[in-house]
Amino acid sequence: MSSATAFEKARADSRAALVGYLPAGFPSVDASIAALRTMVSAGCDVIEIGLPYSDPVMDGPTIQAAAQAALDAGVRITDVLRVVEAVAATGTPTLVMTYWNPVERYGVERFAQHLADAGGAGLITPDLTPDFAPEWIAAADERDLDKVFLVAPSSTDERIAMTTAACRGFVYATAVMGVTGARATTSDLAGPLVARTKAATDLPVGVGLGVSNGAQAAEVASYADGVIVGSAFVRALLDHPGDDAGGLAALAALTEDLAGGVRA
């Protein structure tokens, strides 16, 4: 199921969609499935599953720590696909967010087919731009998978037009220049970036900029179609090491707060 479906449903409710991220395999494969299903039950409209990677140049320390723990535990792409299958079975659009190298090593056609077989909606590719993605674009188009590319405050209008033309599902507006991570204040770069992106496309625009609570989610939801949250969810689990029940309770509470924010 394309992520566009969830954005349409949220728009029909006159609100933004809540997009939640966790890396697969943290704190374990089964625990990450339970965590993501908890986020779905508590109000996430779209799920992003991170593929743990050894050189996460765009991720801040919180996501890096979780991804490294997953790698240390031996998590592989087959495990990621098992998590996708379990979460997609809830009926919630489920995308994989991944650096490009693991997909290339696995085989682009093979990855696209296995992702489709697992019920995945598509890929978010932070370090792959459309002009360097002909193989992925062809494989995704053949299987009707979402292609979510990123735009940033530094993107020119021409670059935004080229990027959004290649997207399917939604456009990911990363409104912070630098690595990921929860922040105390939202970015004043986000609003103008969303406006420029919306001028170029009719696709929904989701914003990721370190949102960590409902008040921040409400602020972003006032101008964006989707509020993307990652580090705050990961932090909820990192703060409860060895306490699965406590971690799930914290995740549920955070999701409910954020889901209230996008409805505010």
C-alpha atoms as a PDB file:
ATOM      1  CA  MET A   1       0.000   0.000   0.000  1.00  0.00           C
ATOM      2  CA  SER A   2       1.430   3.361  -1.030  1.00  0.00           C
ATOM      3  CA  SER A   3       2.104   5.915   1.662  1.00  0.00           C
ATOM      4  CA  ALA A   4      -0.040   8.307  -0.405  1.00  0.00           C
ATOM      5  CA  THR A   5      -3.118   6.451   0.911  1.00  0.00           C
ATOM      6  CA  ALA A   6      -2.298   7.410   4.503  1.00  0.00           C
ATOM      7  CA  PHE A   7      -1.701  11.049   3.543  1.00  0.00           C
ATOM      8  CA  GLU A   8      -5.045  11.158   1.704  1.00  0.00           C
ATOM      9  CA  LYS A   9      -6.820   9.706   4.729  1.00  0.00           C
ATOM     10  CA  ALA A  10      -5.181  12.255   7.049  1.00  0.00           C
ATOM     11  CA  ARG A  11      -6.073  15.091   4.680  1.00  0.00           C
ATOM     12  CA  ALA A  12      -9.707  13.906   4.684  1.00  0.00           C
ATOM     13  CA  ASP A  13      -9.559  14.255   8.488  1.00  0.00           C
ATOM     14  CA  SER A  14      -8.161  17.822   8.073  1.00  0.00           C
ATOM     15  CA  ARG A  15      -4.874  16.954   9.739  1.00  0.00           C
ATOM     16  CA  ALA A  16      -1.285  16.017   8.991  1.00  0.00           C
ATOM     17  CA  ALA A  17      -0.072  12.412   8.938  1.00  0.00           C
ATOM     18  CA  LEU A  18       2.268  11.128  11.653  1.00  0.00           C
ATOM     19  CA  VAL A  19       5.251   9.259  10.210  1.00  0.00           C
ATOM     20  CA  GLY A  20       7.263   7.210  12.725  1.00  0.00           C
ATOM     21  CA  TYR A  21      10.773   5.772  12.322  1.00  0.00           C
ATOM     22  CA  LEU A  22      12.679   3.021  14.133  1.00  0.00           C
ATOM     23  CA  PRO A  23      15.624   0.931  12.953  1.00  0.00           C
ATOM     24  CA  ALA A  24      14.907  -2.763  12.404  1.00  0.00           C
ATOM     25  CA  GLY A  25      16.517  -5.084  14.920  1.00  0.00           C
ATOM     26  CA  PHE A  26      16.702  -2.719  17.889  1.00  0.00           C
ATOM     27  CA  PRO A  27      16.655  -3.766  20.643  1.00  0.00           C
ATOM     28  CA  SER A  28      16.128  -7.129  18.830  1.00  0.00           C
ATOM     29  CA  VAL A  29      14.272  -8.157  15.694  1.00  0.00           C
ATOM     30  CA  ASP A  30      11.185  -9.315  17.593  1.00  0.00           C
ATOM     31  CA  ALA A  31      11.333  -6.351  19.978  1.00  0.00           C
ATOM     32  CA  SER A  32      11.503  -3.922  17.035  1.00  0.00           C
ATOM     33  CA  ILE A  33       8.385  -5.552  15.547  1.00  0.00           C
ATOM     34  CA  ALA A  34       6.573  -5.129  18.879  1.00  0.00           C
ATOM     35  CA  ALA A  35       7.760  -1.513  19.111  1.00  0.00           C
ATOM     36  CA  LEU A  36       6.634  -0.582  15.599  1.00  0.00           C
ATOM     37  CA  ARG A  37       3.258  -2.262  16.078  1.00  0.00           C
ATOM     38  CA  THR A  38       2.858  -0.283  19.299  1.00  0.00           C
ATOM     39  CA  MET A  39       3.514   2.925  17.350  1.00  0.00           C
ATOM     40  CA  VAL A  40       0.866   1.904  14.792  1.00  0.00           C
ATOM     41  CA  SER A  41      -1.687   1.133  17.508  1.00  0.00           C
ATOM     42  CA  ALA A  42      -0.994   4.455  19.254  1.00  0.00           C
ATOM     43  CA  GLY A  43      -1.441   6.624  16.160  1.00  0.00           C
ATOM     44  CA  CYS A  44       1.321   6.447  13.527  1.00  0.00           C
ATOM     45  CA  ASP A  45      -0.126   6.688  10.018  1.00  0.00           C
ATOM     46  CA  VAL A  46       3.030   5.695   8.129  1.00  0.00           C
ATOM     47  CA  ILE A  47       6.027   3.672   9.331  1.00  0.00           C
ATOM     48  CA  GLU A  48       9.656   4.075   8.267  1.00  0.00           C
ATOM     49  CA  ILE A  49      11.894   1.117   9.090  1.00  0.00           C
ATOM     50  CA  GLY A  50      15.580   1.925   9.193  1.00  0.00           C
ATOM     51  CA  LEU A  51      18.033  -0.507   7.628  1.00  0.00           C
ATOM     52  CA  PRO A  52      21.018  -0.521  10.029  1.00  0.00           C
ATOM     53  CA  TYR A  53      24.187   0.510   8.229  1.00  0.00           C
ATOM     54  CA  SER A  54      27.810   0.726   9.343  1.00  0.00           C
ATOM     55  CA  ASP A  55      28.497   4.217   7.956  1.00  0.00           C
ATOM     56  CA  PRO A  56      25.420   6.297   8.872  1.00  0.00           C
ATOM     57  CA  VAL A  57      26.804   9.691   7.859  1.00  0.00           C
ATOM     58  CA  MET A  58      23.435  11.484   8.001  1.00  0.00           C
ATOM     59  CA  ASP A  59      22.261  10.104  11.343  1.00  0.00           C
ATOM     60  CA  GLY A  60      22.804  11.709  14.717  1.00  0.00           C
ATOM     61  CA  PRO A  61      24.114   9.880  17.813  1.00  0.00           C
ATOM     62  CA  THR A  62      20.725   8.536  18.974  1.00  0.00           C
ATOM     63  CA  ILE A  63      19.908   6.647  15.766  1.00  0.00           C
ATOM     64  CA  GLN A  64      23.567   5.677  15.308  1.00  0.00           C
ATOM     65  CA  ALA A  65      23.605   4.010  18.736  1.00  0.00           C
ATOM     66  CA  ALA A  66      20.487   1.958  17.995  1.00  0.00           C
ATOM     67  CA  ALA A  67      21.636   0.979  14.507  1.00  0.00           C
ATOM     68  CA  GLN A  68      25.053  -0.064  15.818  1.00  0.00           C
ATOM     69  CA  ALA A  69      23.420  -2.226  18.491  1.00  0.00           C
ATOM     70  CA  ALA A  70      21.351  -3.924  15.770  1.00  0.00           C
ATOM     71  CA  LEU A  71      24.452  -4.518  13.637  1.00  0.00           C
ATOM     72  CA  ASP A  72      26.356  -5.878  16.642  1.00  0.00           C
ATOM     73  CA  ALA A  73      23.491  -8.334  17.166  1.00  0.00           C
ATOM     74  CA  GLY A  74      23.922  -9.558  13.594  1.00  0.00           C
ATOM     75  CA  VAL A  75      20.883  -7.972  11.940  1.00  0.00           C
ATOM     76  CA  ARG A  76      20.829  -8.487   8.176  1.00  0.00           C
ATOM     77  CA  ILE A  77      18.614  -7.382   5.286  1.00  0.00           C
ATOM     78  CA  THR A  78      16.546 -10.568   5.597  1.00  0.00           C
ATOM     79  CA  ASP A  79      15.737  -9.513   9.178  1.00  0.00           C
ATOM     80  CA  VAL A  80      14.752  -6.032   7.989  1.00  0.00           C
ATOM     81  CA  LEU A  81      12.386  -7.573   5.450  1.00  0.00           C
ATOM     82  CA  ARG A  82      10.846  -9.753   8.172  1.00  0.00           C
ATOM     83  CA  VAL A  83      10.154  -6.611  10.222  1.00  0.00           C
ATOM     84  CA  VAL A  84       8.627  -4.937   7.145  1.00  0.00           C
ATOM     85  CA  GLU A  85       6.336  -7.918   6.581  1.00  0.00           C
ATOM     86  CA  ALA A  86       5.163  -7.960  10.203  1.00  0.00           C
ATOM     87  CA  VAL A  87       4.418  -4.219  10.277  1.00  0.00           C
ATOM     88  CA  ALA A  88       2.884  -4.024   6.793  1.00  0.00           C
ATOM     89  CA  ALA A  89       0.494  -6.789   7.878  1.00  0.00           C
ATOM     90  CA  THR A  90      -1.199  -4.180  10.114  1.00  0.00           C
ATOM     91  CA  GLY A  91      -2.372  -2.376   6.968  1.00  0.00           C
ATOM     92  CA  THR A  92      -0.142   0.628   7.671  1.00  0.00           C
ATOM     93  CA  PRO A  93       2.043   1.796   4.758  1.00  0.00           C
ATOM     94  CA  THR A  94       5.562   0.653   5.652  1.00  0.00           C
ATOM     95  CA  LEU A  95       8.665   2.030   3.955  1.00  0.00           C
ATOM     96  CA  VAL A  96      12.334   1.206   4.367  1.00  0.00           C
ATOM     97  CA  MET A  97      14.704   4.113   4.939  1.00  0.00           C
ATOM     98  CA  THR A  98      18.159   3.112   3.808  1.00  0.00           C
ATOM     99  CA  TYR A  99      21.517   4.282   2.603  1.00  0.00           C
ATOM    100  CA  TRP A 100      22.066   3.140  -0.944  1.00  0.00           C
ATOM    101  CA  ASN A 101      25.136   0.905  -0.565  1.00  0.00           C
ATOM    102  CA  PRO A 102      23.340  -2.039   1.144  1.00  0.00           C
ATOM    103  CA  VAL A 103      20.680  -2.093  -1.600  1.00  0.00           C
ATOM    104  CA  GLU A 104      23.338  -2.047  -4.317  1.00  0.00           C
ATOM    105  CA  ARG A 105      25.216  -4.878  -2.634  1.00  0.00           C
ATOM    106  CA  TYR A 106      22.033  -6.932  -2.210  1.00  0.00           C
ATOM    107  CA  GLY A 107      21.031  -6.300  -5.837  1.00  0.00           C
ATOM    108  CA  VAL A 108      18.587  -3.553  -6.784  1.00  0.00           C
ATOM    109  CA  GLU A 109      16.112  -5.794  -8.639  1.00  0.00           C
ATOM    110  CA  ARG A 110      16.310  -8.443  -5.944  1.00  0.00           C
ATOM    111  CA  PHE A 111      15.815  -5.906  -3.156  1.00  0.00           C
ATOM    112  CA  ALA A 112      12.842  -4.301  -4.902  1.00  0.00           C
ATOM    113  CA  GLN A 113      11.194  -7.679  -5.450  1.00  0.00           C
ATOM    114  CA  HIS A 114      11.794  -8.884  -1.887  1.00  0.00           C
ATOM    115  CA  LEU A 115      10.500  -5.555  -0.506  1.00  0.00           C
ATOM    116  CA  ALA A 116       7.349  -5.849  -2.634  1.00  0.00           C
ATOM    117  CA  ASP A 117       6.925  -9.491  -1.578  1.00  0.00           C
ATOM    118  CA  ALA A 118       7.073  -8.408   2.080  1.00  0.00           C
ATOM    119  CA  GLY A 119       4.297  -5.866   1.508  1.00  0.00           C
ATOM    120  CA  GLY A 120       6.608  -2.867   1.764  1.00  0.00           C
ATOM    121  CA  ALA A 121       5.367   0.423   0.312  1.00  0.00           C
ATOM    122  CA  GLY A 122       8.732   1.596  -1.016  1.00  0.00           C
ATOM    123  CA  LEU A 123      12.029   3.224  -0.104  1.00  0.00           C
ATOM    124  CA  ILE A 124      13.235   6.482   1.379  1.00  0.00           C
ATOM    125  CA  THR A 125      16.761   7.022   0.052  1.00  0.00           C
ATOM    126  CA  PRO A 126      18.552   9.874   1.881  1.00  0.00           C
ATOM    127  CA  ASP A 127      21.877   9.570   0.049  1.00  0.00           C
ATOM    128  CA  LEU A 128      20.503   8.737  -3.427  1.00  0.00           C
ATOM    129  CA  THR A 129      19.332  11.477  -5.772  1.00  0.00           C
ATOM    130  CA  PRO A 130      17.047  10.857  -8.778  1.00  0.00           C
ATOM    131  CA  ASP A 131      19.756  11.677 -11.321  1.00  0.00           C
ATOM    132  CA  PHE A 132      21.856   8.797  -9.935  1.00  0.00           C
ATOM    133  CA  ALA A 133      18.944   6.405  -9.459  1.00  0.00           C
ATOM    134  CA  PRO A 134      17.881   5.041 -12.880  1.00  0.00           C
ATOM    135  CA  GLU A 135      18.154   1.409 -11.759  1.00  0.00           C
ATOM    136  CA  TRP A 136      16.070   1.983  -8.610  1.00  0.00           C
ATOM    137  CA  ILE A 137      13.500   4.123 -10.436  1.00  0.00           C
ATOM    138  CA  ALA A 138      13.003   1.382 -13.051  1.00  0.00           C
ATOM    139  CA  ALA A 139      12.738  -1.381 -10.425  1.00  0.00           C
ATOM    140  CA  ALA A 140      10.319   0.676  -8.303  1.00  0.00           C
ATOM    141  CA  ASP A 141       8.158   1.680 -11.263  1.00  0.00           C
ATOM    142  CA  GLU A 142       7.885  -1.948 -12.354  1.00  0.00           C
ATOM    143  CA  ARG A 143       6.494  -2.871  -8.908  1.00  0.00           C
ATOM    144  CA  ASP A 144       4.610   0.357  -8.112  1.00  0.00           C
ATOM    145  CA  LEU A 145       6.813   1.032  -5.075  1.00  0.00           C
ATOM    146  CA  ASP A 146       7.061   4.476  -3.485  1.00  0.00           C
ATOM    147  CA  LYS A 147      10.204   6.446  -4.346  1.00  0.00           C
ATOM    148  CA  VAL A 148      10.810   9.017  -1.630  1.00  0.00           C
ATOM    149  CA  PHE A 149      13.703  11.372  -2.328  1.00  0.00           C
ATOM    150  CA  LEU A 150      14.832  14.260  -0.111  1.00  0.00           C
ATOM    151  CA  VAL A 151      14.788  18.010  -0.591  1.00  0.00           C
ATOM    152  CA  ALA A 152      16.680  20.395   1.703  1.00  0.00           C
ATOM    153  CA  PRO A 153      16.853  24.141   2.401  1.00  0.00           C
ATOM    154  CA  SER A 154      19.928  24.264   0.155  1.00  0.00           C
ATOM    155  CA  SER A 155      18.048  22.732  -2.816  1.00  0.00           C
ATOM    156  CA  THR A 156      17.545  25.113  -5.746  1.00  0.00           C
ATOM    157  CA  ASP A 157      14.052  25.443  -7.225  1.00  0.00           C
ATOM    158  CA  GLU A 158      15.298  23.504 -10.273  1.00  0.00           C
ATOM    159  CA  ARG A 159      16.594  20.746  -8.010  1.00  0.00           C
ATOM    160  CA  ILE A 160      13.304  20.609  -6.108  1.00  0.00           C
ATOM    161  CA  ALA A 161      11.385  20.316  -9.399  1.00  0.00           C
ATOM    162  CA  MET A 162      13.643  17.486 -10.623  1.00  0.00           C
ATOM    163  CA  THR A 163      13.468  15.645  -7.284  1.00  0.00           C
ATOM    164  CA  THR A 164       9.724  15.885  -6.768  1.00  0.00           C
ATOM    165  CA  ALA A 165       9.070  14.793 -10.371  1.00  0.00           C
ATOM    166  CA  ALA A 166      10.842  11.513  -9.550  1.00  0.00           C
ATOM    167  CA  CYS A 167       9.036  10.933  -6.240  1.00  0.00           C
ATOM    168  CA  ARG A 168       6.022   8.721  -5.657  1.00  0.00           C
ATOM    169  CA  GLY A 169       4.152   8.487  -2.344  1.00  0.00           C
ATOM    170  CA  PHE A 170       5.421  11.686  -0.743  1.00  0.00           C
ATOM    171  CA  VAL A 171       8.364  14.073  -0.703  1.00  0.00           C
ATOM    172  CA  TYR A 172      10.705  14.123   2.311  1.00  0.00           C
ATOM    173  CA  ALA A 173      11.664  17.671   3.269  1.00  0.00           C
ATOM    174  CA  THR A 174      14.644  17.594   5.607  1.00  0.00           C
ATOM    175  CA  ALA A 175      14.553  21.014   7.168  1.00  0.00           C
ATOM    176  CA  VAL A 176      17.733  20.743   9.239  1.00  0.00           C
ATOM    177  CA  MET A 177      21.153  21.158   7.653  1.00  0.00           C
ATOM    178  CA  GLY A 178      23.225  18.490   9.403  1.00  0.00           C
ATOM    179  CA  VAL A 179      22.629  15.124  11.054  1.00  0.00           C
ATOM    180  CA  THR A 180      19.341  13.835  12.449  1.00  0.00           C
ATOM    181  CA  GLY A 181      18.325  14.244  16.084  1.00  0.00           C
ATOM    182  CA  ALA A 182      15.631  15.558  18.391  1.00  0.00           C
ATOM    183  CA  ARG A 183      15.845  19.314  18.946  1.00  0.00           C
ATOM    184  CA  ALA A 184      14.481  21.754  21.484  1.00  0.00           C
ATOM    185  CA  THR A 185      13.123  24.102  18.801  1.00  0.00           C
ATOM    186  CA  THR A 186      11.848  23.517  15.295  1.00  0.00           C
ATOM    187  CA  SER A 187      13.604  24.996  12.288  1.00  0.00           C
ATOM    188  CA  ASP A 188      12.626  28.322  10.716  1.00  0.00           C
ATOM    189  CA  LEU A 189      13.861  26.856   7.412  1.00  0.00           C
ATOM    190  CA  ALA A 190      11.030  24.312   7.250  1.00  0.00           C
ATOM    191  CA  GLY A 191       8.080  26.526   6.293  1.00  0.00           C
ATOM    192  CA  PRO A 192       9.763  28.180   3.303  1.00  0.00           C
ATOM    193  CA  LEU A 193      11.106  24.801   2.112  1.00  0.00           C
ATOM    194  CA  VAL A 194       7.624  23.245   2.232  1.00  0.00           C
ATOM    195  CA  ALA A 195       6.176  26.225   0.342  1.00  0.00           C
ATOM    196  CA  ARG A 196       8.820  25.916  -2.384  1.00  0.00           C
ATOM    197  CA  THR A 197       8.269  22.156  -2.599  1.00  0.00           C
ATOM    198  CA  LYS A 198       4.482  22.499  -2.804  1.00  0.00           C
ATOM    199  CA  ALA A 199       4.923  24.984  -5.641  1.00  0.00           C
ATOM    200  CA  ALA A 200       6.622  22.210  -7.618  1.00  0.00           C
ATOM    201  CA  THR A 201       4.385  19.209  -6.881  1.00  0.00           C
ATOM    202  CA  ASP A 202       0.937  18.012  -5.810  1.00  0.00           C
ATOM    203  CA  LEU A 203       2.505  15.197  -3.773  1.00  0.00           C
ATOM    204  CA  PRO A 204       2.236  15.345   0.032  1.00  0.00           C
ATOM    205  CA  VAL A 205       5.262  16.857   1.745  1.00  0.00           C
ATOM    206  CA  GLY A 206       6.503  15.307   4.992  1.00  0.00           C
ATOM    207  CA  VAL A 207       8.921  17.231   7.201  1.00  0.00           C
ATOM    208  CA  GLY A 208      11.704  15.752   9.323  1.00  0.00           C
ATOM    209  CA  LEU A 209      13.486  18.179  11.623  1.00  0.00           C
ATOM    210  CA  GLY A 210      13.899  16.676  15.084  1.00  0.00           C
ATOM    211  CA  VAL A 211      10.328  16.856  16.415  1.00  0.00           C
ATOM    212  CA  SER A 212      10.111  15.297  19.870  1.00  0.00           C
ATOM    213  CA  ASN A 213       6.726  16.282  21.345  1.00  0.00           C
ATOM    214  CA  GLY A 214       3.124  17.070  20.493  1.00  0.00           C
ATOM    215  CA  ALA A 215       3.540  20.849  20.602  1.00  0.00           C
ATOM    216  CA  GLN A 216       6.340  20.724  18.025  1.00  0.00           C
ATOM    217  CA  ALA A 217       4.302  18.262  15.938  1.00  0.00           C
ATOM    218  CA  ALA A 218       1.370  20.698  15.952  1.00  0.00           C
ATOM    219  CA  GLU A 219       3.634  23.520  14.786  1.00  0.00           C
ATOM    220  CA  VAL A 220       4.985  21.483  11.839  1.00  0.00           C
ATOM    221  CA  ALA A 221       1.495  20.131  11.042  1.00  0.00           C
ATOM    222  CA  SER A 222       0.301  23.715  10.514  1.00  0.00           C
ATOM    223  CA  TYR A 223       2.201  23.872   7.192  1.00  0.00           C
ATOM    224  CA  ALA A 224       3.253  20.305   6.268  1.00  0.00           C
ATOM    225  CA  ASP A 225       1.255  17.260   5.150  1.00  0.00           C
ATOM    226  CA  GLY A 226       3.256  14.931   7.356  1.00  0.00           C
ATOM    227  CA  VAL A 227       5.339  15.145  10.528  1.00  0.00           C
ATOM    228  CA  ILE A 228       8.279  12.717  10.490  1.00  0.00           C
ATOM    229  CA  VAL A 229       9.668  11.618  13.877  1.00  0.00           C
ATOM    230  CA  GLY A 230      12.671   9.357  14.375  1.00  0.00           C
ATOM    231  CA  SER A 231      15.183  10.143  17.096  1.00  0.00           C
ATOM    232  CA  ALA A 232      12.536  10.758  19.763  1.00  0.00           C
ATOM    233  CA  PHE A 233      11.100   7.253  19.217  1.00  0.00           C
ATOM    234  CA  VAL A 234      14.566   5.691  19.310  1.00  0.00           C
ATOM    235  CA  ARG A 235      15.366   7.638  22.501  1.00  0.00           C
ATOM    236  CA  ALA A 236      12.228   6.235  24.176  1.00  0.00           C
ATOM    237  CA  LEU A 237      13.664   2.727  23.710  1.00  0.00           C
ATOM    238  CA  LEU A 238      17.273   3.675  24.531  1.00  0.00           C
ATOM    239  CA  ASP A 239      16.051   5.120  27.835  1.00  0.00           C
ATOM    240  CA  HIS A 240      14.664   1.689  28.871  1.00  0.00           C
ATOM    241  CA  PRO A 241      17.521  -0.775  28.317  1.00  0.00           C
ATOM    242  CA  GLY A 242      16.505  -4.324  29.149  1.00  0.00           C
ATOM    243  CA  ASP A 243      12.970  -3.185  29.997  1.00  0.00           C
ATOM    244  CA  ASP A 244      10.816  -4.087  27.011  1.00  0.00           C
ATOM    245  CA  ALA A 245       7.534  -3.290  28.774  1.00  0.00           C
ATOM    246  CA  GLY A 246       8.815   0.115  29.930  1.00  0.00           C
ATOM    247  CA  GLY A 247      10.106   0.909  26.443  1.00  0.00           C
ATOM    248  CA  LEU A 248       6.783   0.014  24.826  1.00  0.00           C
ATOM    249  CA  ALA A 249       4.857   2.098  27.372  1.00  0.00           C
ATOM    250  CA  ALA A 250       7.134   5.081  26.688  1.00  0.00           C
ATOM    251  CA  LEU A 251       6.708   4.611  22.919  1.00  0.00           C
ATOM    252  CA  ALA A 252       2.919   4.456  23.231  1.00  0.00           C
ATOM    253  CA  ALA A 253       2.802   7.617  25.365  1.00  0.00           C
ATOM    254  CA  LEU A 254       5.090   9.511  22.969  1.00  0.00           C
ATOM    255  CA  THR A 255       3.083   8.379  19.925  1.00  0.00           C
ATOM    256  CA  GLU A 256      -0.195   9.470  21.542  1.00  0.00           C
ATOM    257  CA  ASP A 257       1.301  12.885  22.346  1.00  0.00           C
ATOM    258  CA  LEU A 258       2.564  13.317  18.773  1.00  0.00           C
ATOM    259  CA  ALA A 259      -0.710  12.004  17.271  1.00  0.00           C
ATOM    260  CA  GLY A 260      -2.565  14.598  19.354  1.00  0.00           C
ATOM    261  CA  GLY A 261      -0.189  17.236  18.000  1.00  0.00           C
ATOM    262  CA  VAL A 262      -0.848  16.502  14.327  1.00  0.00           C
ATOM    263  CA  ARG A 263      -4.573  16.740  15.087  1.00  0.00           C
ATOM    264  CA  ALA A 264      -4.307  20.009  17.008  1.00  0.00           C
END
